[in-house]
PDB file of all heavy atoms in Angstrom:
ATOM      1  N   GLY A   1      -9.123   1.404  -8.608  1.00  0.00           N
ATOM      2  CA  GLY A   1      -8.428   0.571  -7.644  1.00  0.00           C
ATOM      3  C   GLY A   1      -7.025   0.200  -8.076  1.00  0.00           C
ATOM      4  O   GLY A   1      -6.067   0.328  -7.269  1.00  0.00           O
ATOM      5  N   ASP A   2      -6.836  -0.251  -9.305  1.00  0.00           N
ATOM      6  CA  ASP A   2      -5.533  -0.649  -9.759  1.00  0.00           C
ATOM      7  C   ASP A   2      -4.538   0.536  -9.766  1.00  0.00           C
ATOM      8  O   ASP A   2      -3.391   0.401  -9.348  1.00  0.00           O
ATOM      9  CB  ASP A   2      -5.613  -1.265 -11.184  1.00  0.00           C
ATOM     10  CG  ASP A   2      -6.322  -2.591 -11.164  1.00  0.00           C
ATOM     11  OD1 ASP A   2      -6.402  -3.243 -10.095  1.00  0.00           O
ATOM     12  OD2 ASP A   2      -6.842  -3.010 -12.225  1.00  0.00           O
ATOM     13  N   GLU A   3      -5.028   1.683 -10.256  1.00  0.00           N
ATOM     14  CA  GLU A   3      -4.146   2.860 -10.316  1.00  0.00           C
ATOM     15  C   GLU A   3      -3.811   3.339  -8.912  1.00  0.00           C
ATOM     16  O   GLU A   3      -2.647   3.704  -8.643  1.00  0.00           O
ATOM     17  CB  GLU A   3      -4.850   3.992 -11.078  1.00  0.00           C
ATOM     18  CG  GLU A   3      -4.007   5.222 -11.326  1.00  0.00           C
ATOM     19  CD  GLU A   3      -3.946   6.174 -10.138  1.00  0.00           C
ATOM     20  OE1 GLU A   3      -4.905   6.191  -9.326  1.00  0.00           O
ATOM     21  OE2 GLU A   3      -2.905   6.881  -9.982  1.00  0.00           O
ATOM     22  N   THR A   4      -4.782   3.317  -8.012  1.00  0.00           N
ATOM     23  CA  THR A   4      -4.551   3.762  -6.650  1.00  0.00           C
ATOM     24  C   THR A   4      -3.517   2.873  -5.956  1.00  0.00           C
ATOM     25  O   THR A   4      -2.572   3.354  -5.289  1.00  0.00           O
ATOM     26  CB  THR A   4      -5.854   3.774  -5.851  1.00  0.00           C
ATOM     27  OG1 THR A   4      -6.772   4.682  -6.459  1.00  0.00           O
ATOM     28  CG2 THR A   4      -5.619   4.200  -4.393  1.00  0.00           C
ATOM     29  N   ARG A   5      -3.681   1.542  -6.095  1.00  0.00           N
ATOM     30  CA  ARG A   5      -2.733   0.620  -5.480  1.00  0.00           C
ATOM     31  C   ARG A   5      -1.333   0.806  -6.044  1.00  0.00           C
ATOM     32  O   ARG A   5      -0.346   0.880  -5.273  1.00  0.00           O
ATOM     33  CB  ARG A   5      -3.193  -0.813  -5.651  1.00  0.00           C
ATOM     34  CG  ARG A   5      -2.349  -1.853  -4.854  1.00  0.00           C
ATOM     35  CD  ARG A   5      -2.671  -3.268  -5.212  1.00  0.00           C
ATOM     36  NE  ARG A   5      -4.098  -3.529  -5.361  1.00  0.00           N
ATOM     37  CZ  ARG A   5      -4.708  -3.696  -6.536  1.00  0.00           C
ATOM     38  NH1 ARG A   5      -4.029  -3.619  -7.662  1.00  0.00           N
ATOM     39  NH2 ARG A   5      -6.003  -3.928  -6.558  1.00  0.00           N
ATOM     40  N   ALA A   6      -1.212   0.906  -7.352  1.00  0.00           N
ATOM     41  CA  ALA A   6       0.112   1.056  -7.978  1.00  0.00           C
ATOM     42  C   ALA A   6       0.754   2.364  -7.558  1.00  0.00           C
ATOM     43  O   ALA A   6       1.978   2.441  -7.272  1.00  0.00           O
ATOM     44  CB  ALA A   6      -0.041   0.979  -9.484  1.00  0.00           C
ATOM     45  N   ALA A   7      -0.028   3.447  -7.521  1.00  0.00           N
ATOM     46  CA  ALA A   7       0.511   4.740  -7.165  1.00  0.00           C
ATOM     47  C   ALA A   7       0.953   4.755  -5.727  1.00  0.00           C
ATOM     48  O   ALA A   7       2.010   5.340  -5.365  1.00  0.00           O
ATOM     49  CB  ALA A   7      -0.515   5.841  -7.396  1.00  0.00           C
ATOM     50  N   ALA A   8       0.165   4.140  -4.824  1.00  0.00           N
ATOM     51  CA  ALA A   8       0.525   4.102  -3.420  1.00  0.00           C
ATOM     52  C   ALA A   8       1.808   3.313  -3.212  1.00  0.00           C
ATOM     53  O   ALA A   8       2.720   3.789  -2.512  1.00  0.00           O
ATOM     54  CB  ALA A   8      -0.608   3.439  -2.624  1.00  0.00           C
ATOM     55  N   LEU A   9       1.936   2.178  -3.847  1.00  0.00           N
ATOM     56  CA  LEU A   9       3.148   1.360  -3.679  1.00  0.00           C
ATOM     57  C   LEU A   9       4.377   2.085  -4.247  1.00  0.00           C
ATOM     58  O   LEU A   9       5.476   2.017  -3.672  1.00  0.00           O
ATOM     59  CB  LEU A   9       2.963  -0.002  -4.355  1.00  0.00           C
ATOM     60  CG  LEU A   9       1.896  -0.896  -3.692  1.00  0.00           C
ATOM     61  CD1 LEU A   9       1.678  -2.144  -4.571  1.00  0.00           C
ATOM     62  CD2 LEU A   9       2.307  -1.288  -2.277  1.00  0.00           C
ATOM     63  N   ALA A  10       4.208   2.764  -5.384  1.00  0.00           N
ATOM     64  CA  ALA A  10       5.321   3.514  -5.954  1.00  0.00           C
ATOM     65  C   ALA A  10       5.738   4.662  -5.018  1.00  0.00           C
ATOM     66  O   ALA A  10       6.925   4.927  -4.843  1.00  0.00           O
ATOM     67  CB  ALA A  10       4.922   4.067  -7.315  1.00  0.00           C
ATOM     68  N   THR A  11       4.742   5.305  -4.412  1.00  0.00           N
ATOM     69  CA  THR A  11       5.071   6.387  -3.476  1.00  0.00           C
ATOM     70  C   THR A  11       5.805   5.851  -2.269  1.00  0.00           C
ATOM     71  O   THR A  11       6.806   6.421  -1.849  1.00  0.00           O
ATOM     72  CB  THR A  11       3.749   7.095  -3.048  1.00  0.00           C
ATOM     73  OG1 THR A  11       3.128   7.677  -4.175  1.00  0.00           O
ATOM     74  CG2 THR A  11       4.059   8.188  -2.016  1.00  0.00           C
ATOM     75  N   PHE A  12       5.326   4.752  -1.721  1.00  0.00           N
ATOM     76  CA  PHE A  12       5.982   4.159  -0.546  1.00  0.00           C
ATOM     77  C   PHE A  12       7.420   3.779  -0.883  1.00  0.00           C
ATOM     78  O   PHE A  12       8.330   4.009  -0.091  1.00  0.00           O
ATOM     79  CB  PHE A  12       5.234   2.932  -0.063  1.00  0.00           C
ATOM     80  CG  PHE A  12       3.792   3.173   0.329  1.00  0.00           C
ATOM     81  CD1 PHE A  12       2.854   2.156   0.210  1.00  0.00           C
ATOM     82  CD2 PHE A  12       3.390   4.369   0.828  1.00  0.00           C
ATOM     83  CE1 PHE A  12       1.553   2.349   0.560  1.00  0.00           C
ATOM     84  CE2 PHE A  12       2.078   4.619   1.200  1.00  0.00           C
ATOM     85  CZ  PHE A  12       1.145   3.596   1.045  1.00  0.00           C
ATOM     86  N   ALA A  13       7.634   3.217  -2.073  1.00  0.00           N
ATOM     87  CA  ALA A  13       8.971   2.820  -2.489  1.00  0.00           C
ATOM     88  C   ALA A  13       9.929   3.986  -2.595  1.00  0.00           C
ATOM     89  O   ALA A  13      11.142   3.861  -2.399  1.00  0.00           O
ATOM     90  CB  ALA A  13       8.920   2.044  -3.782  1.00  0.00           C
ATOM     91  N   SER A  14       9.373   5.166  -2.916  1.00  0.00           N
ATOM     92  CA  SER A  14      10.218   6.355  -3.086  1.00  0.00           C
ATOM     93  C   SER A  14      10.542   7.054  -1.791  1.00  0.00           C
ATOM     94  O   SER A  14      11.429   7.906  -1.739  1.00  0.00           O
ATOM     95  CB  SER A  14       9.522   7.342  -4.056  1.00  0.00           C
ATOM     96  OG  SER A  14       8.379   7.959  -3.397  1.00  0.00           O
ATOM     97  N   ILE A  15       9.805   6.734  -0.726  1.00  0.00           N
ATOM     98  CA  ILE A  15       9.967   7.455   0.530  1.00  0.00           C
ATOM     99  C   ILE A  15      11.188   7.015   1.323  1.00  0.00           C
ATOM    100  O   ILE A  15      11.903   7.828   1.903  1.00  0.00           O
ATOM    101  CB  ILE A  15       8.693   7.342   1.375  1.00  0.00           C
ATOM    102  CG1 ILE A  15       7.549   8.113   0.754  1.00  0.00           C
ATOM    103  CG2 ILE A  15       8.907   7.806   2.804  1.00  0.00           C
ATOM    104  CD1 ILE A  15       6.213   7.927   1.405  1.00  0.00           C
ATOM    105  N   GLY A  16      11.436   5.711   1.377  1.00  0.00           N
ATOM    106  CA  GLY A  16      12.607   5.225   2.044  1.00  0.00           C
ATOM    107  C   GLY A  16      12.465   5.123   3.546  1.00  0.00           C
ATOM    108  O   GLY A  16      11.383   4.891   4.072  1.00  0.00           O
ATOM    109  N   PRO A  17      13.537   5.395   4.287  1.00  0.00           N
ATOM    110  CA  PRO A  17      13.544   5.188   5.770  1.00  0.00           C
ATOM    111  C   PRO A  17      12.891   6.339   6.531  1.00  0.00           C
ATOM    112  O   PRO A  17      13.544   6.980   7.371  1.00  0.00           O
ATOM    113  CB  PRO A  17      15.036   5.068   6.072  1.00  0.00           C
ATOM    114  CG  PRO A  17      15.700   5.941   5.049  1.00  0.00           C
ATOM    115  CD  PRO A  17      14.881   5.755   3.806  1.00  0.00           C
ATOM    116  N   HIS A  18      11.640   6.579   6.263  1.00  0.00           N
ATOM    117  CA  HIS A  18      10.897   7.638   6.905  1.00  0.00           C
ATOM    118  C   HIS A  18       9.868   7.025   7.815  1.00  0.00           C
ATOM    119  O   HIS A  18       9.202   6.036   7.472  1.00  0.00           O
ATOM    120  CB  HIS A  18      10.195   8.473   5.830  1.00  0.00           C
ATOM    121  CG  HIS A  18       9.207   9.484   6.378  1.00  0.00           C
ATOM    122  ND1 HIS A  18       9.609  10.643   7.003  1.00  0.00           N
ATOM    123  CD2 HIS A  18       7.850   9.467   6.423  1.00  0.00           C
ATOM    124  CE1 HIS A  18       8.533  11.313   7.368  1.00  0.00           C
ATOM    125  NE2 HIS A  18       7.472  10.622   7.059  1.00  0.00           N
ATOM    126  N   ARG A  19       9.684   7.596   9.010  1.00  0.00           N
ATOM    127  CA  ARG A  19       8.647   7.128   9.943  1.00  0.00           C
ATOM    128  C   ARG A  19       7.381   7.900   9.730  1.00  0.00           C
ATOM    129  O   ARG A  19       7.419   9.131   9.692  1.00  0.00           O
ATOM    130  CB  ARG A  19       9.157   7.253  11.397  1.00  0.00           C
ATOM    131  CG  ARG A  19      10.378   6.433  11.705  1.00  0.00           C
ATOM    132  CD  ARG A  19      10.819   6.668  13.148  1.00  0.00           C
ATOM    133  NE  ARG A  19       9.917   6.025  14.070  1.00  0.00           N
ATOM    134  CZ  ARG A  19       9.781   6.359  15.359  1.00  0.00           C
ATOM    135  NH1 ARG A  19      10.488   7.391  15.830  1.00  0.00           N
ATOM    136  NH2 ARG A  19       8.971   5.706  16.136  1.00  0.00           N
ATOM    137  N   THR A  20       6.271   7.248   9.617  1.00  0.00           N
ATOM    138  CA  THR A  20       4.991   7.932   9.474  1.00  0.00           C
ATOM    139  C   THR A  20       4.640   8.659  10.759  1.00  0.00           C
ATOM    140  O   THR A  20       5.101   8.278  11.845  1.00  0.00           O
ATOM    141  CB  THR A  20       3.853   6.959   9.115  1.00  0.00           C
ATOM    142  OG1 THR A  20       3.642   6.082  10.230  1.00  0.00           O
ATOM    143  CG2 THR A  20       4.202   6.137   7.865  1.00  0.00           C
ATOM    144  N   SER A  21       3.814   9.700  10.632  1.00  0.00           N
ATOM    145  CA  SER A  21       3.432  10.455  11.830  1.00  0.00           C
ATOM    146  C   SER A  21       2.670   9.559  12.804  1.00  0.00           C
ATOM    147  O   SER A  21       2.784   9.734  14.038  1.00  0.00           O
ATOM    148  CB  SER A  21       2.580  11.666  11.446  1.00  0.00           C
ATOM    149  OG  SER A  21       1.410  11.278  10.794  1.00  0.00           O
ATOM    150  N   MET A  22       1.915   8.578  12.312  1.00  0.00           N
ATOM    151  CA  MET A  22       1.189   7.709  13.222  1.00  0.00           C
ATOM    152  C   MET A  22       2.155   6.806  14.007  1.00  0.00           C
ATOM    153  O   MET A  22       1.988   6.564  15.202  1.00  0.00           O
ATOM    154  CB  MET A  22       0.169   6.844  12.475  1.00  0.00           C
ATOM    155  CG  MET A  22      -0.697   5.992  13.409  1.00  0.00           C
ATOM    156  SD  MET A  22      -2.037   5.122  12.571  1.00  0.00           S
ATOM    157  CE  MET A  22      -3.160   6.457  12.206  1.00  0.00           C
ATOM    158  N   ALA A  23       3.184   6.332  13.335  1.00  0.00           N
ATOM    159  CA  ALA A  23       4.201   5.511  14.027  1.00  0.00           C
ATOM    160  C   ALA A  23       4.904   6.346  15.113  1.00  0.00           C
ATOM    161  O   ALA A  23       5.159   5.860  16.202  1.00  0.00           O
ATOM    162  CB  ALA A  23       5.226   4.967  13.053  1.00  0.00           C
ATOM    163  N   VAL A  24       5.184   7.611  14.799  1.00  0.00           N
ATOM    164  CA  VAL A  24       5.822   8.511  15.758  1.00  0.00           C
ATOM    165  C   VAL A  24       4.864   8.759  16.922  1.00  0.00           C
ATOM    166  O   VAL A  24       5.294   8.700  18.096  1.00  0.00           O
ATOM    167  CB  VAL A  24       6.221   9.847  15.081  1.00  0.00           C
ATOM    168  CG1 VAL A  24       6.701  10.836  16.130  1.00  0.00           C
ATOM    169  CG2 VAL A  24       7.304   9.587  14.043  1.00  0.00           C
ATOM    170  N   ASP A  25       3.582   8.992  16.637  1.00  0.00           N
ATOM    171  CA  ASP A  25       2.614   9.265  17.711  1.00  0.00           C
ATOM    172  C   ASP A  25       2.435   8.050  18.603  1.00  0.00           C
ATOM    173  O   ASP A  25       2.381   8.207  19.838  1.00  0.00           O
ATOM    174  CB  ASP A  25       1.258   9.644  17.089  1.00  0.00           C
ATOM    175  CG  ASP A  25       1.284  11.029  16.468  1.00  0.00           C
ATOM    176  OD1 ASP A  25       2.157  11.840  16.833  1.00  0.00           O
ATOM    177  OD2 ASP A  25       0.411  11.309  15.634  1.00  0.00           O
ATOM    178  N   VAL A  26       2.367   6.858  18.042  1.00  0.00           N
ATOM    179  CA  VAL A  26       2.206   5.648  18.860  1.00  0.00           C
ATOM    180  C   VAL A  26       3.423   5.463  19.768  1.00  0.00           C
ATOM    181  O   VAL A  26       3.309   5.191  20.966  1.00  0.00           O
ATOM    182  CB  VAL A  26       1.971   4.408  17.975  1.00  0.00           C
ATOM    183  CG1 VAL A  26       2.199   3.131  18.767  1.00  0.00           C
ATOM    184  CG2 VAL A  26       0.570   4.425  17.407  1.00  0.00           C
ATOM    185  N   ALA A  27       4.610   5.628  19.216  1.00  0.00           N
ATOM    186  CA  ALA A  27       5.810   5.449  20.000  1.00  0.00           C
ATOM    187  C   ALA A  27       5.914   6.464  21.118  1.00  0.00           C
ATOM    188  O   ALA A  27       6.463   6.176  22.210  1.00  0.00           O
ATOM    189  CB  ALA A  27       7.050   5.571  19.089  1.00  0.00           C
ATOM    190  N   ALA A  28       5.373   7.667  20.889  1.00  0.00           N
ATOM    191  CA  ALA A  28       5.427   8.723  21.896  1.00  0.00           C
ATOM    192  C   ALA A  28       4.251   8.703  22.866  1.00  0.00           C
ATOM    193  O   ALA A  28       4.174   9.517  23.787  1.00  0.00           O
ATOM    194  CB  ALA A  28       5.471  10.081  21.208  1.00  0.00           C
ATOM    195  N   GLY A  29       3.303   7.755  22.684  1.00  0.00           N
ATOM    196  CA  GLY A  29       2.150   7.677  23.556  1.00  0.00           C
ATOM    197  C   GLY A  29       1.149   8.741  23.334  1.00  0.00           C
ATOM    198  O   GLY A  29       0.374   9.090  24.247  1.00  0.00           O
ATOM    199  N   ARG A  30       1.103   9.297  22.107  1.00  0.00           N
ATOM    200  CA  ARG A  30       0.129  10.367  21.789  1.00  0.00           C
ATOM    201  C   ARG A  30      -1.060   9.780  21.056  1.00  0.00           C
ATOM    202  O   ARG A  30      -0.979   8.685  20.449  1.00  0.00           O
ATOM    203  CB  ARG A  30       0.793  11.433  20.910  1.00  0.00           C
ATOM    204  CG  ARG A  30       1.893  12.225  21.590  1.00  0.00           C
ATOM    205  CD  ARG A  30       2.263  13.444  20.751  1.00  0.00           C
ATOM    206  NE  ARG A  30       2.914  13.047  19.503  1.00  0.00           N
ATOM    207  CZ  ARG A  30       4.249  13.070  19.290  1.00  0.00           C
ATOM    208  NH1 ARG A  30       5.057  13.438  20.260  1.00  0.00           N
ATOM    209  NH2 ARG A  30       4.739  12.711  18.138  1.00  0.00           N
ATOM    210  N   PRO A  31      -2.213  10.473  21.076  1.00  0.00           N
ATOM    211  CA  PRO A  31      -3.378  10.019  20.306  1.00  0.00           C
ATOM    212  C   PRO A  31      -3.064   9.975  18.819  1.00  0.00           C
ATOM    213  O   PRO A  31      -2.214  10.738  18.319  1.00  0.00           O
ATOM    214  CB  PRO A  31      -4.423  11.090  20.599  1.00  0.00           C
ATOM    215  CG  PRO A  31      -3.969  11.751  21.850  1.00  0.00           C
ATOM    216  CD  PRO A  31      -2.485  11.710  21.834  1.00  0.00           C
ATOM    217  N   THR A  32      -3.733   9.089  18.098  1.00  0.00           N
ATOM    218  CA  THR A  32      -3.526   8.963  16.673  1.00  0.00           C
ATOM    219  C   THR A  32      -4.828   9.307  15.939  1.00  0.00           C
ATOM    220  O   THR A  32      -5.861   9.573  16.546  1.00  0.00           O
ATOM    221  CB  THR A  32      -3.109   7.532  16.279  1.00  0.00           C
ATOM    222  OG1 THR A  32      -4.262   6.669  16.376  1.00  0.00           O
ATOM    223  CG2 THR A  32      -2.013   7.003  17.162  1.00  0.00           C
ATOM    224  N   GLU A  33      -4.761   9.267  14.608  1.00  0.00           N
ATOM    225  CA  GLU A  33      -5.903   9.544  13.737  1.00  0.00           C
ATOM    226  C   GLU A  33      -6.622   8.272  13.312  1.00  0.00           C
ATOM    227  O   GLU A  33      -7.322   8.273  12.307  1.00  0.00           O
ATOM    228  CB  GLU A  33      -5.457  10.351  12.527  1.00  0.00           C
ATOM    229  CG  GLU A  33      -4.848  11.677  12.888  1.00  0.00           C
ATOM    230  CD  GLU A  33      -4.388  12.476  11.664  1.00  0.00           C
ATOM    231  OE1 GLU A  33      -3.395  12.022  11.028  1.00  0.00           O
ATOM    232  OE2 GLU A  33      -4.964  13.508  11.372  1.00  0.00           O
ATOM    233  N   ILE A  34      -6.481   7.197  14.073  1.00  0.00           N
ATOM    234  CA  ILE A  34      -7.023   5.905  13.631  1.00  0.00           C
ATOM    235  C   ILE A  34      -8.530   5.939  13.499  1.00  0.00           C
ATOM    236  O   ILE A  34      -9.121   5.213  12.667  1.00  0.00           O
ATOM    237  CB  ILE A  34      -6.582   4.789  14.592  1.00  0.00           C
ATOM    238  CG1 ILE A  34      -6.730   3.414  13.919  1.00  0.00           C
ATOM    239  CG2 ILE A  34      -7.326   4.876  15.922  1.00  0.00           C
ATOM    240  CD1 ILE A  34      -5.864   3.221  12.707  1.00  0.00           C
TER     241      ILE A  34
END
């Protein structure tokens, strides 16, 4: 759990101003993978 949380947060911090595919799908009115 600790490693997964730290790795996820580090990855998110490295991505920057990127929109996730789910955010794009919601904005476009398309089905998502929820």
